[in-house]
PDB file of N, CA and C in Angstrom:
ATOM      1  N   UNK A   1     -29.915  24.003  -4.798  1.00  0.00           N
ATOM      2  CA  UNK A   1     -31.011  23.678  -3.838  1.00  0.00           C
ATOM      3  C   UNK A   1     -30.799  24.640  -2.630  1.00  0.00           C
ATOM      4  N   UNK A   2     -31.946  24.982  -2.054  1.00  0.00           N
ATOM      5  CA  UNK A   2     -31.974  25.781  -0.847  1.00  0.00           C
ATOM      6  C   UNK A   2     -32.817  24.941   0.157  1.00  0.00           C
ATOM      7  N   UNK A   3     -32.454  24.963   1.392  1.00  0.00           N
ATOM      8  CA  UNK A   3     -33.238  24.280   2.429  1.00  0.00           C
ATOM      9  C   UNK A   3     -34.092  25.364   3.162  1.00  0.00           C
ATOM     10  N   UNK A   4     -35.400  25.206   3.127  1.00  0.00           N
ATOM     11  CA  UNK A   4     -36.289  26.138   3.821  1.00  0.00           C
ATOM     12  C   UNK A   4     -36.674  25.399   5.140  1.00  0.00           C
ATOM     13  N   UNK A   5     -36.272  25.963   6.266  1.00  0.00           N
ATOM     14  CA  UNK A   5     -36.608  25.437   7.534  1.00  0.00           C
ATOM     15  C   UNK A   5     -37.823  26.082   8.231  1.00  0.00           C
ATOM     16  N   UNK A   6     -38.435  27.057   7.512  1.00  0.00           N
ATOM     17  CA  UNK A   6     -39.504  27.826   8.078  1.00  0.00           C
ATOM     18  C   UNK A   6     -40.876  27.156   7.946  1.00  0.00           C
ATOM     19  N   UNK A   7     -40.882  26.086   7.195  1.00  0.00           N
ATOM     20  CA  UNK A   7     -42.176  25.422   6.818  1.00  0.00           C
ATOM     21  C   UNK A   7     -43.098  26.290   5.966  1.00  0.00           C
ATOM     22  N   UNK A   8     -42.420  27.271   5.327  1.00  0.00           N
ATOM     23  CA  UNK A   8     -43.240  28.152   4.424  1.00  0.00           C
ATOM     24  C   UNK A   8     -43.247  27.673   2.980  1.00  0.00           C
ATOM     25  N   UNK A   9     -42.469  26.709   2.608  1.00  0.00           N
ATOM     26  CA  UNK A   9     -42.489  26.205   1.257  1.00  0.00           C
ATOM     27  C   UNK A   9     -43.553  25.183   1.026  1.00  0.00           C
ATOM     28  N   UNK A  10     -44.417  25.387   0.026  1.00  0.00           N
ATOM     29  CA  UNK A  10     -45.487  24.383  -0.219  1.00  0.00           C
ATOM     30  C   UNK A  10     -44.868  23.148  -0.882  1.00  0.00           C
ATOM     31  N   UNK A  11     -45.515  21.970  -0.806  1.00  0.00           N
ATOM     32  CA  UNK A  11     -45.027  20.749  -1.379  1.00  0.00           C
ATOM     33  C   UNK A  11     -45.467  20.800  -2.888  1.00  0.00           C
ATOM     34  N   UNK A  12     -44.519  21.107  -3.735  1.00  0.00           N
ATOM     35  CA  UNK A  12     -44.734  21.224  -5.165  1.00  0.00           C
ATOM     36  C   UNK A  12     -43.703  20.309  -5.872  1.00  0.00           C
ATOM     37  N   UNK A  13     -43.739  20.406  -7.239  1.00  0.00           N
ATOM     38  CA  UNK A  13     -42.773  19.581  -8.063  1.00  0.00           C
ATOM     39  C   UNK A  13     -41.310  20.044  -7.791  1.00  0.00           C
ATOM     40  N   UNK A  14     -41.138  21.265  -7.381  1.00  0.00           N
ATOM     41  CA  UNK A  14     -39.750  21.731  -7.111  1.00  0.00           C
ATOM     42  C   UNK A  14     -39.434  21.917  -5.600  1.00  0.00           C
ATOM     43  N   UNK A  15     -40.278  21.416  -4.744  1.00  0.00           N
ATOM     44  CA  UNK A  15     -39.977  21.394  -3.320  1.00  0.00           C
ATOM     45  C   UNK A  15     -40.111  19.936  -2.842  1.00  0.00           C
ATOM     46  N   UNK A  16     -39.173  19.572  -1.996  1.00  0.00           N
ATOM     47  CA  UNK A  16     -39.165  18.176  -1.445  1.00  0.00           C
ATOM     48  C   UNK A  16     -39.104  18.259   0.031  1.00  0.00           C
ATOM     49  N   UNK A  17     -40.048  17.739   0.727  1.00  0.00           N
ATOM     50  CA  UNK A  17     -40.061  17.791   2.206  1.00  0.00           C
ATOM     51  C   UNK A  17     -38.896  16.901   2.720  1.00  0.00           C
ATOM     52  N   UNK A  18     -38.252  17.367   3.779  1.00  0.00           N
ATOM     53  CA  UNK A  18     -37.116  16.660   4.472  1.00  0.00           C
ATOM     54  C   UNK A  18     -37.432  16.547   5.900  1.00  0.00           C
ATOM     55  N   UNK A  19     -36.996  15.423   6.475  1.00  0.00           N
ATOM     56  CA  UNK A  19     -37.151  15.202   7.905  1.00  0.00           C
ATOM     57  C   UNK A  19     -35.772  14.897   8.549  1.00  0.00           C
ATOM     58  N   UNK A  20     -34.822  14.441   7.750  1.00  0.00           N
ATOM     59  CA  UNK A  20     -33.541  14.029   8.263  1.00  0.00           C
ATOM     60  C   UNK A  20     -32.469  14.221   7.174  1.00  0.00           C
ATOM     61  N   UNK A  21     -31.382  14.818   7.392  1.00  0.00           N
ATOM     62  CA  UNK A  21     -30.782  15.317   8.643  1.00  0.00           C
ATOM     63  C   UNK A  21     -31.258  16.623   9.138  1.00  0.00           C
ATOM     64  N   UNK A  22     -32.110  17.278   8.412  1.00  0.00           N
ATOM     65  CA  UNK A  22     -32.641  18.567   8.805  1.00  0.00           C
ATOM     66  C   UNK A  22     -34.180  18.597   8.460  1.00  0.00           C
ATOM     67  N   UNK A  23     -34.979  19.270   9.269  1.00  0.00           N
ATOM     68  CA  UNK A  23     -36.389  19.325   9.015  1.00  0.00           C
ATOM     69  C   UNK A  23     -36.708  20.608   8.220  1.00  0.00           C
ATOM     70  N   UNK A  24     -37.415  20.405   7.070  1.00  0.00           N
ATOM     71  CA  UNK A  24     -37.696  21.514   6.236  1.00  0.00           C
ATOM     72  C   UNK A  24     -38.059  21.023   4.856  1.00  0.00           C
ATOM     73  N   UNK A  25     -37.741  21.846   3.835  1.00  0.00           N
ATOM     74  CA  UNK A  25     -37.999  21.435   2.467  1.00  0.00           C
ATOM     75  C   UNK A  25     -36.850  21.900   1.603  1.00  0.00           C
ATOM     76  N   UNK A  26     -36.410  20.998   0.777  1.00  0.00           N
ATOM     77  CA  UNK A  26     -35.458  21.351  -0.232  1.00  0.00           C
ATOM     78  C   UNK A  26     -36.146  21.955  -1.417  1.00  0.00           C
ATOM     79  N   UNK A  27     -35.674  23.150  -1.813  1.00  0.00           N
ATOM     80  CA  UNK A  27     -36.338  23.956  -2.842  1.00  0.00           C
ATOM     81  C   UNK A  27     -35.391  24.182  -3.977  1.00  0.00           C
ATOM     82  N   UNK A  28     -35.740  23.751  -5.190  1.00  0.00           N
ATOM     83  CA  UNK A  28     -34.976  24.009  -6.400  1.00  0.00           C
ATOM     84  C   UNK A  28     -35.057  25.478  -6.753  1.00  0.00           C
ATOM     85  N   UNK A  29     -33.965  26.195  -6.668  1.00  0.00           N
ATOM     86  CA  UNK A  29     -33.953  27.636  -7.010  1.00  0.00           C
ATOM     87  C   UNK A  29     -33.115  27.879  -8.256  1.00  0.00           C
ATOM     88  N   UNK A  30     -33.084  29.111  -8.673  1.00  0.00           N
ATOM     89  CA  UNK A  30     -32.234  29.549  -9.792  1.00  0.00           C
ATOM     90  C   UNK A  30     -30.788  29.416  -9.446  1.00  0.00           C
ATOM     91  N   UNK A  31     -30.117  28.427 -10.064  1.00  0.00           N
ATOM     92  CA  UNK A  31     -28.716  28.144  -9.729  1.00  0.00           C
ATOM     93  C   UNK A  31     -27.735  29.285 -10.172  1.00  0.00           C
ATOM     94  N   UNK A  32     -28.176  30.139 -11.126  1.00  0.00           N
ATOM     95  CA  UNK A  32     -27.272  31.165 -11.599  1.00  0.00           C
ATOM     96  C   UNK A  32     -27.036  32.208 -10.488  1.00  0.00           C
ATOM     97  N   UNK A  33     -27.901  32.243  -9.500  1.00  0.00           N
ATOM     98  CA  UNK A  33     -27.779  33.213  -8.403  1.00  0.00           C
ATOM     99  C   UNK A  33     -26.724  32.767  -7.362  1.00  0.00           C
ATOM    100  N   UNK A  34     -26.319  31.494  -7.419  1.00  0.00           N
ATOM    101  CA  UNK A  34     -25.324  30.931  -6.436  1.00  0.00           C
ATOM    102  C   UNK A  34     -23.918  31.418  -6.896  1.00  0.00           C
ATOM    103  N   UNK A  35     -23.149  31.747  -5.869  1.00  0.00           N
ATOM    104  CA  UNK A  35     -21.745  32.139  -6.076  1.00  0.00           C
ATOM    105  C   UNK A  35     -20.849  31.106  -5.360  1.00  0.00           C
ATOM    106  N   UNK A  36     -19.576  31.125  -5.774  1.00  0.00           N
ATOM    107  CA  UNK A  36     -18.673  30.202  -5.089  1.00  0.00           C
ATOM    108  C   UNK A  36     -18.584  30.466  -3.623  1.00  0.00           C
ATOM    109  N   UNK A  37     -18.721  31.709  -3.221  1.00  0.00           N
ATOM    110  CA  UNK A  37     -18.599  32.088  -1.807  1.00  0.00           C
ATOM    111  C   UNK A  37     -19.773  31.474  -1.009  1.00  0.00           C
ATOM    112  N   UNK A  38     -20.974  31.483  -1.567  1.00  0.00           N
ATOM    113  CA  UNK A  38     -22.152  30.909  -0.929  1.00  0.00           C
ATOM    114  C   UNK A  38     -21.986  29.363  -0.887  1.00  0.00           C
ATOM    115  N   UNK A  39     -21.417  28.763  -1.888  1.00  0.00           N
ATOM    116  CA  UNK A  39     -21.285  27.316  -1.955  1.00  0.00           C
ATOM    117  C   UNK A  39     -20.245  26.820  -0.909  1.00  0.00           C
ATOM    118  N   UNK A  40     -19.174  27.544  -0.690  1.00  0.00           N
ATOM    119  CA  UNK A  40     -18.138  27.119   0.228  1.00  0.00           C
ATOM    120  C   UNK A  40     -18.557  27.432   1.669  1.00  0.00           C
ATOM    121  N   UNK A  41     -19.562  28.241   1.863  1.00  0.00           N
ATOM    122  CA  UNK A  41     -19.934  28.606   3.229  1.00  0.00           C
ATOM    123  C   UNK A  41     -20.904  27.595   3.837  1.00  0.00           C
ATOM    124  N   UNK A  42     -21.302  26.556   3.083  1.00  0.00           N
ATOM    125  CA  UNK A  42     -22.280  25.589   3.551  1.00  0.00           C
ATOM    126  C   UNK A  42     -21.701  24.653   4.656  1.00  0.00           C
ATOM    127  N   UNK A  43     -22.570  23.922   5.245  1.00  0.00           N
ATOM    128  CA  UNK A  43     -22.179  23.013   6.283  1.00  0.00           C
ATOM    129  C   UNK A  43     -22.785  21.669   5.984  1.00  0.00           C
ATOM    130  N   UNK A  44     -22.060  20.581   5.962  1.00  0.00           N
ATOM    131  CA  UNK A  44     -22.551  19.228   5.694  1.00  0.00           C
ATOM    132  C   UNK A  44     -23.276  18.779   6.957  1.00  0.00           C
ATOM    133  N   UNK A  45     -24.583  18.486   6.785  1.00  0.00           N
ATOM    134  CA  UNK A  45     -25.373  18.019   7.906  1.00  0.00           C
ATOM    135  C   UNK A  45     -25.681  16.557   7.838  1.00  0.00           C
ATOM    136  N   UNK A  46     -25.364  15.876   6.756  1.00  0.00           N
ATOM    137  CA  UNK A  46     -25.669  14.440   6.603  1.00  0.00           C
ATOM    138  C   UNK A  46     -26.241  14.089   5.254  1.00  0.00           C
ATOM    139  N   UNK A  47     -26.498  12.840   5.006  1.00  0.00           N
ATOM    140  CA  UNK A  47     -27.034  12.418   3.741  1.00  0.00           C
ATOM    141  C   UNK A  47     -28.516  12.144   3.866  1.00  0.00           C
ATOM    142  N   UNK A  48     -29.181  12.247   2.714  1.00  0.00           N
ATOM    143  CA  UNK A  48     -30.662  11.907   2.672  1.00  0.00           C
ATOM    144  C   UNK A  48     -30.858  10.572   1.995  1.00  0.00           C
ATOM    145  N   UNK A  49     -32.076  10.037   2.115  1.00  0.00           N
ATOM    146  CA  UNK A  49     -32.300   8.715   1.528  1.00  0.00           C
ATOM    147  C   UNK A  49     -32.373   8.790   0.007  1.00  0.00           C
ATOM    148  N   UNK A  50     -32.191   7.651  -0.673  1.00  0.00           N
ATOM    149  CA  UNK A  50     -32.133   7.608  -2.119  1.00  0.00           C
ATOM    150  C   UNK A  50     -33.444   8.113  -2.739  1.00  0.00           C
ATOM    151  N   UNK A  51     -34.573   7.773  -2.175  1.00  0.00           N
ATOM    152  CA  UNK A  51     -35.871   8.279  -2.743  1.00  0.00           C
ATOM    153  C   UNK A  51     -35.928   9.768  -2.693  1.00  0.00           C
ATOM    154  N   UNK A  52     -35.429  10.430  -1.617  1.00  0.00           N
ATOM    155  CA  UNK A  52     -35.400  11.863  -1.542  1.00  0.00           C
ATOM    156  C   UNK A  52     -34.470  12.470  -2.618  1.00  0.00           C
ATOM    157  N   UNK A  53     -33.352  11.836  -2.806  1.00  0.00           N
ATOM    158  CA  UNK A  53     -32.373  12.283  -3.805  1.00  0.00           C
ATOM    159  C   UNK A  53     -33.008  12.181  -5.235  1.00  0.00           C
ATOM    160  N   UNK A  54     -33.814  11.166  -5.493  1.00  0.00           N
ATOM    161  CA  UNK A  54     -34.459  11.027  -6.749  1.00  0.00           C
ATOM    162  C   UNK A  54     -35.441  12.202  -6.959  1.00  0.00           C
ATOM    163  N   UNK A  55     -36.201  12.600  -5.889  1.00  0.00           N
ATOM    164  CA  UNK A  55     -37.151  13.724  -5.988  1.00  0.00           C
ATOM    165  C   UNK A  55     -36.375  15.029  -6.199  1.00  0.00           C
ATOM    166  N   UNK A  56     -35.219  15.168  -5.515  1.00  0.00           N
ATOM    167  CA  UNK A  56     -34.369  16.375  -5.730  1.00  0.00           C
ATOM    168  C   UNK A  56     -33.847  16.442  -7.117  1.00  0.00           C
ATOM    169  N   UNK A  57     -33.411  15.320  -7.648  1.00  0.00           N
ATOM    170  CA  UNK A  57     -32.906  15.240  -9.007  1.00  0.00           C
ATOM    171  C   UNK A  57     -34.042  15.654 -10.030  1.00  0.00           C
ATOM    172  N   UNK A  58     -35.229  15.173  -9.838  1.00  0.00           N
ATOM    173  CA  UNK A  58     -36.369  15.510 -10.700  1.00  0.00           C
ATOM    174  C   UNK A  58     -36.679  16.966 -10.644  1.00  0.00           C
ATOM    175  N   UNK A  59     -36.642  17.527  -9.401  1.00  0.00           N
ATOM    176  CA  UNK A  59     -36.940  18.946  -9.197  1.00  0.00           C
ATOM    177  C   UNK A  59     -35.887  19.837  -9.928  1.00  0.00           C
ATOM    178  N   UNK A  60     -34.635  19.454  -9.832  1.00  0.00           N
ATOM    179  CA  UNK A  60     -33.584  20.165 -10.555  1.00  0.00           C
ATOM    180  C   UNK A  60     -33.719  20.067 -12.046  1.00  0.00           C
ATOM    181  N   UNK A  61     -34.123  18.888 -12.551  1.00  0.00           N
ATOM    182  CA  UNK A  61     -34.315  18.775 -13.980  1.00  0.00           C
ATOM    183  C   UNK A  61     -35.448  19.721 -14.475  1.00  0.00           C
ATOM    184  N   UNK A  62     -36.489  19.807 -13.698  1.00  0.00           N
ATOM    185  CA  UNK A  62     -37.604  20.706 -14.028  1.00  0.00           C
ATOM    186  C   UNK A  62     -37.121  22.182 -13.994  1.00  0.00           C
ATOM    187  N   UNK A  63     -36.448  22.501 -12.932  1.00  0.00           N
ATOM    188  CA  UNK A  63     -36.001  23.911 -12.759  1.00  0.00           C
ATOM    189  C   UNK A  63     -35.020  24.296 -13.889  1.00  0.00           C
ATOM    190  N   UNK A  64     -34.146  23.415 -14.290  1.00  0.00           N
ATOM    191  CA  UNK A  64     -33.181  23.693 -15.301  1.00  0.00           C
ATOM    192  C   UNK A  64     -33.653  23.329 -16.723  1.00  0.00           C
ATOM    193  N   UNK A  65     -34.895  22.986 -16.845  1.00  0.00           N
ATOM    194  CA  UNK A  65     -35.531  22.610 -18.134  1.00  0.00           C
ATOM    195  C   UNK A  65     -34.801  21.502 -18.888  1.00  0.00           C
ATOM    196  N   UNK A  66     -34.470  20.447 -18.087  1.00  0.00           N
ATOM    197  CA  UNK A  66     -33.713  19.310 -18.624  1.00  0.00           C
ATOM    198  C   UNK A  66     -34.685  18.091 -18.792  1.00  0.00           C
ATOM    199  N   UNK A  67     -35.938  18.293 -18.780  1.00  0.00           N
ATOM    200  CA  UNK A  67     -36.835  17.144 -18.892  1.00  0.00           C
ATOM    201  C   UNK A  67     -37.108  16.791 -20.336  1.00  0.00           C
TER     202      UNK A  67
END
């Protein structure tokens, strides 16, 4: 997942609007482009609600063709 804070991501099946702990949109992206360096450079900003996590899970299933 990538967090787009520019408000440039449309609300689609693979984007999930967020308001807390950060304002923006979670975007399901190609996970093969992620490296261990990028993953360890992240910063924990807090947890999201269960409903948001369900939408994120669904977006990742679509992106990874696991539906």
